[in-house]
Amino acid sequence: MGAVREGLEVAGQRIHGASRRRPLEVFEREERSARSPWDGAPDEPADWRSAKVHPDHHIACQYALYSVPAALCPPGPCSSSGMTASSAVLTGPAITR
């Protein structure tokens, strides 16, 4: 049995243990309309690593500098950062709002 057929005919029809509902019915009724169409562009992989916000509010990754808004992240260590060619995402206890 193929993976798609298995998902549609077997796994999607089972009663889920936590929700007590059929996953395929939940997807069709609640989730499908919330999805947006694929834009055709491949996902850009992120490089996750520990980062330090420098006093001039930038982080460095793969020989590139990324500016960090001073109001959102004071200088010091951030627990992790994810960087792509076009953006940087910071997470961790150093971030304030």
N, C-alpha and C. Protein backbone atom coordinates (compact mmCIF):
# COMPACT_ATOMS: atom_id res chain seq x y z
N MET A 1 0.85 -1.17 0.00
CA MET A 1 0.00 0.00 0.00
C MET A 1 0.90 1.24 0.00
N GLY A 2 0.61 2.21 -0.84
CA GLY A 2 1.41 3.42 -0.93
C GLY A 2 1.19 4.34 0.27
N ALA A 3 2.14 5.23 0.48
CA ALA A 3 2.08 6.13 1.63
C ALA A 3 0.87 7.08 1.56
N VAL A 4 0.57 7.59 0.37
CA VAL A 4 -0.58 8.50 0.24
C VAL A 4 -1.87 7.76 0.52
N ARG A 5 -2.00 6.59 -0.09
CA ARG A 5 -3.21 5.80 0.13
C ARG A 5 -3.34 5.39 1.59
N GLU A 6 -2.23 5.00 2.21
CA GLU A 6 -2.24 4.63 3.63
C GLU A 6 -2.72 5.81 4.47
N GLY A 7 -2.22 7.01 4.17
CA GLY A 7 -2.62 8.19 4.94
C GLY A 7 -4.08 8.54 4.77
N LEU A 8 -4.58 8.42 3.55
CA LEU A 8 -5.98 8.78 3.29
C LEU A 8 -6.97 7.72 3.76
N GLU A 9 -6.65 6.47 3.49
CA GLU A 9 -7.62 5.41 3.75
C GLU A 9 -7.52 4.77 5.12
N VAL A 10 -6.34 4.82 5.72
CA VAL A 10 -6.19 4.13 7.01
C VAL A 10 -5.96 5.14 8.14
N ALA A 11 -4.81 5.80 8.12
CA ALA A 11 -4.45 6.69 9.23
C ALA A 11 -5.40 7.88 9.34
N GLY A 12 -5.83 8.43 8.22
CA GLY A 12 -6.72 9.57 8.25
C GLY A 12 -8.12 9.26 8.73
N GLN A 13 -8.48 7.97 8.75
CA GLN A 13 -9.82 7.57 9.16
C GLN A 13 -9.87 7.04 10.59
N ARG A 14 -8.71 6.82 11.21
CA ARG A 14 -8.69 6.34 12.59
C ARG A 14 -9.18 7.42 13.53
N ILE A 15 -9.76 7.03 14.63
CA ILE A 15 -10.14 7.96 15.68
C ILE A 15 -8.86 8.31 16.45
N HIS A 16 -8.53 9.60 16.49
CA HIS A 16 -7.32 10.06 17.18
C HIS A 16 -7.52 9.93 18.68
N GLY A 17 -6.48 9.49 19.38
CA GLY A 17 -6.58 9.23 20.81
C GLY A 17 -6.91 10.46 21.64
N ALA A 18 -6.28 11.59 21.36
CA ALA A 18 -6.47 12.78 22.20
C ALA A 18 -7.74 13.55 21.82
N SER A 19 -7.99 13.74 20.54
CA SER A 19 -9.12 14.57 20.12
C SER A 19 -10.41 13.76 19.94
N ARG A 20 -10.27 12.45 19.82
CA ARG A 20 -11.42 11.56 19.55
C ARG A 20 -12.11 11.92 18.25
N ARG A 21 -11.34 12.42 17.27
CA ARG A 21 -11.87 12.80 15.96
C ARG A 21 -11.01 12.16 14.87
N ARG A 22 -11.54 12.08 13.67
CA ARG A 22 -10.79 11.54 12.54
C ARG A 22 -9.92 12.65 11.94
N PRO A 23 -8.59 12.44 11.84
CA PRO A 23 -7.69 13.48 11.36
C PRO A 23 -8.04 14.02 9.97
N LEU A 24 -8.45 13.18 9.05
CA LEU A 24 -8.77 13.64 7.70
C LEU A 24 -10.00 14.55 7.71
N GLU A 25 -10.99 14.22 8.52
CA GLU A 25 -12.17 15.07 8.63
C GLU A 25 -11.83 16.43 9.25
N VAL A 26 -10.97 16.43 10.26
CA VAL A 26 -10.55 17.68 10.90
C VAL A 26 -9.80 18.54 9.89
N PHE A 27 -8.91 17.91 9.11
CA PHE A 27 -8.16 18.67 8.11
C PHE A 27 -9.10 19.30 7.08
N GLU A 28 -10.01 18.51 6.55
CA GLU A 28 -10.92 19.02 5.52
C GLU A 28 -11.83 20.13 6.07
N ARG A 29 -12.31 19.97 7.29
CA ARG A 29 -13.28 20.89 7.86
C ARG A 29 -12.64 22.17 8.41
N GLU A 30 -11.45 22.06 9.05
CA GLU A 30 -10.89 23.19 9.78
C GLU A 30 -9.57 23.73 9.24
N GLU A 31 -8.75 22.87 8.65
CA GLU A 31 -7.39 23.29 8.33
C GLU A 31 -7.15 23.62 6.87
N ARG A 32 -7.81 22.94 5.97
CA ARG A 32 -7.54 23.14 4.54
C ARG A 32 -7.76 24.60 4.13
N SER A 33 -8.82 25.23 4.61
CA SER A 33 -9.11 26.61 4.21
C SER A 33 -8.08 27.60 4.75
N ALA A 34 -7.36 27.25 5.80
CA ALA A 34 -6.36 28.15 6.38
C ALA A 34 -5.03 28.09 5.63
N ARG A 35 -4.84 27.11 4.80
CA ARG A 35 -3.58 26.97 4.07
C ARG A 35 -3.53 27.95 2.91
N SER A 36 -2.34 28.44 2.65
CA SER A 36 -2.16 29.32 1.49
C SER A 36 -1.44 28.52 0.40
N PRO A 37 -1.66 28.87 -0.86
CA PRO A 37 -1.02 28.13 -1.93
C PRO A 37 0.49 28.32 -1.91
N TRP A 38 1.21 27.31 -2.35
CA TRP A 38 2.67 27.36 -2.42
C TRP A 38 3.06 28.37 -3.48
N ASP A 39 3.99 29.25 -3.16
CA ASP A 39 4.40 30.29 -4.10
C ASP A 39 5.43 29.82 -5.12
N GLY A 40 5.86 28.59 -5.03
CA GLY A 40 6.80 28.04 -5.99
C GLY A 40 8.25 28.24 -5.62
N ALA A 41 8.53 29.09 -4.63
CA ALA A 41 9.91 29.34 -4.22
C ALA A 41 10.33 28.29 -3.19
N PRO A 42 11.52 27.73 -3.35
CA PRO A 42 11.97 26.74 -2.36
C PRO A 42 12.24 27.41 -1.01
N ASP A 43 12.08 26.65 0.06
CA ASP A 43 12.37 27.18 1.38
C ASP A 43 13.87 27.44 1.49
N GLU A 44 14.21 28.46 2.24
CA GLU A 44 15.59 28.83 2.44
C GLU A 44 16.03 28.24 3.79
N PRO A 45 17.02 27.33 3.81
CA PRO A 45 17.41 26.71 5.07
C PRO A 45 18.04 27.73 6.01
N ALA A 46 17.73 27.62 7.29
CA ALA A 46 18.30 28.53 8.30
C ALA A 46 19.49 27.87 8.96
N ASP A 47 20.43 28.69 9.38
CA ASP A 47 21.61 28.24 10.11
C ASP A 47 21.42 28.65 11.56
N TRP A 48 21.05 27.69 12.43
CA TRP A 48 20.77 28.00 13.83
C TRP A 48 22.03 27.86 14.65
N ARG A 49 22.35 28.88 15.46
CA ARG A 49 23.54 28.85 16.30
C ARG A 49 23.38 29.86 17.42
N SER A 50 24.26 29.76 18.41
CA SER A 50 24.28 30.76 19.47
C SER A 50 24.82 32.05 18.90
N ALA A 51 24.30 33.17 19.38
CA ALA A 51 24.73 34.46 18.87
C ALA A 51 24.86 35.44 20.02
N LYS A 52 25.67 36.46 19.79
CA LYS A 52 25.83 37.53 20.76
C LYS A 52 25.44 38.83 20.08
N VAL A 53 24.60 39.61 20.75
CA VAL A 53 24.27 40.93 20.23
C VAL A 53 25.36 41.87 20.71
N HIS A 54 26.06 42.47 19.78
CA HIS A 54 27.18 43.35 20.09
C HIS A 54 26.67 44.73 20.52
N PRO A 55 27.54 45.54 21.18
CA PRO A 55 27.11 46.86 21.67
C PRO A 55 26.50 47.77 20.59
N ASP A 56 26.93 47.59 19.35
CA ASP A 56 26.34 48.42 18.28
C ASP A 56 25.12 47.74 17.66
N HIS A 57 24.54 46.79 18.39
CA HIS A 57 23.29 46.11 18.03
C HIS A 57 23.35 45.40 16.67
N HIS A 58 24.34 44.52 16.54
CA HIS A 58 24.38 43.64 15.38
C HIS A 58 24.81 42.26 15.83
N ILE A 59 24.50 41.27 15.03
CA ILE A 59 25.00 39.91 15.21
C ILE A 59 25.73 39.52 13.94
N ALA A 60 26.67 38.63 14.08
CA ALA A 60 27.47 38.19 12.93
C ALA A 60 27.22 36.71 12.70
N CYS A 61 27.04 36.34 11.45
CA CYS A 61 26.86 34.94 11.07
C CYS A 61 27.32 34.75 9.64
N GLN A 62 28.13 33.75 9.43
CA GLN A 62 28.62 33.41 8.10
C GLN A 62 29.15 34.64 7.36
N TYR A 63 29.98 35.42 8.06
CA TYR A 63 30.64 36.60 7.48
C TYR A 63 29.67 37.70 7.07
N ALA A 64 28.48 37.71 7.62
CA ALA A 64 27.51 38.77 7.34
C ALA A 64 27.08 39.38 8.67
N LEU A 65 26.75 40.66 8.66
CA LEU A 65 26.27 41.36 9.85
C LEU A 65 24.77 41.62 9.70
N TYR A 66 24.04 41.40 10.78
CA TYR A 66 22.61 41.64 10.80
C TYR A 66 22.30 42.64 11.90
N SER A 67 21.56 43.69 11.61
CA SER A 67 21.16 44.68 12.60
C SER A 67 20.04 44.11 13.46
N VAL A 68 20.08 44.44 14.74
CA VAL A 68 19.06 44.00 15.68
C VAL A 68 18.44 45.24 16.30
N PRO A 69 17.12 45.39 16.28
CA PRO A 69 16.48 46.57 16.88
C PRO A 69 16.86 46.69 18.35
N ALA A 70 17.36 47.84 18.74
CA ALA A 70 17.82 48.05 20.12
C ALA A 70 16.71 47.83 21.13
N ALA A 71 15.50 48.20 20.79
CA ALA A 71 14.39 48.08 21.73
C ALA A 71 13.98 46.63 21.98
N LEU A 72 14.31 45.74 21.08
CA LEU A 72 13.88 44.35 21.22
C LEU A 72 14.93 43.43 21.84
N CYS A 73 16.19 43.74 21.68
CA CYS A 73 17.22 42.82 22.16
C CYS A 73 18.43 43.62 22.62
N PRO A 74 18.64 43.76 23.93
CA PRO A 74 19.79 44.50 24.43
C PRO A 74 21.07 43.72 24.16
N PRO A 75 22.22 44.39 24.19
CA PRO A 75 23.49 43.68 23.99
C PRO A 75 23.65 42.55 25.00
N GLY A 76 24.27 41.47 24.57
CA GLY A 76 24.51 40.31 25.41
C GLY A 76 24.14 39.05 24.66
N PRO A 77 24.24 37.90 25.32
CA PRO A 77 23.98 36.64 24.62
C PRO A 77 22.49 36.41 24.38
N CYS A 78 22.17 35.87 23.23
CA CYS A 78 20.84 35.35 22.93
C CYS A 78 21.01 33.84 22.85
N SER A 79 20.01 33.09 23.25
CA SER A 79 20.19 31.65 23.31
C SER A 79 20.35 31.03 21.93
N SER A 80 19.69 31.56 20.93
CA SER A 80 19.87 31.01 19.59
C SER A 80 19.46 32.05 18.57
N SER A 81 19.96 31.86 17.37
CA SER A 81 19.57 32.74 16.27
C SER A 81 19.50 31.89 15.02
N GLY A 82 18.53 32.18 14.17
CA GLY A 82 18.41 31.49 12.91
C GLY A 82 18.61 32.49 11.79
N MET A 83 19.56 32.24 10.93
CA MET A 83 19.86 33.20 9.89
C MET A 83 19.77 32.57 8.51
N THR A 84 19.18 33.32 7.60
CA THR A 84 19.15 32.94 6.20
C THR A 84 19.83 34.06 5.44
N ALA A 85 19.86 33.95 4.15
CA ALA A 85 20.50 35.00 3.35
C ALA A 85 19.76 36.32 3.46
N SER A 86 18.50 36.31 3.86
CA SER A 86 17.71 37.54 3.86
C SER A 86 17.21 37.99 5.22
N SER A 87 17.39 37.19 6.28
CA SER A 87 16.83 37.60 7.57
C SER A 87 17.54 36.92 8.72
N ALA A 88 17.30 37.44 9.92
CA ALA A 88 17.80 36.85 11.15
C ALA A 88 16.66 36.80 12.16
N VAL A 89 16.57 35.71 12.91
CA VAL A 89 15.54 35.54 13.92
C VAL A 89 16.25 35.23 15.23
N LEU A 90 15.93 35.98 16.29
CA LEU A 90 16.54 35.77 17.59
C LEU A 90 15.52 35.21 18.56
N THR A 91 15.97 34.30 19.42
CA THR A 91 15.11 33.78 20.47
C THR A 91 15.93 33.70 21.74
N GLY A 92 15.30 33.71 22.87
CA GLY A 92 16.03 33.50 24.11
C GLY A 92 15.74 34.53 25.16
N PRO A 93 16.36 34.37 26.32
CA PRO A 93 16.03 35.23 27.46
C PRO A 93 16.47 36.68 27.29
N ALA A 94 17.39 36.97 26.38
CA ALA A 94 17.86 38.35 26.23
C ALA A 94 16.86 39.22 25.50
N ILE A 95 15.87 38.62 24.86
CA ILE A 95 14.91 39.41 24.10
C ILE A 95 13.87 40.00 25.04
N THR A 96 13.63 41.28 24.92
CA THR A 96 12.61 41.95 25.73
C THR A 96 11.59 42.59 24.82
N ARG A 97 10.41 42.84 25.34
CA ARG A 97 9.36 43.50 24.55
C ARG A 97 8.70 44.55 25.38
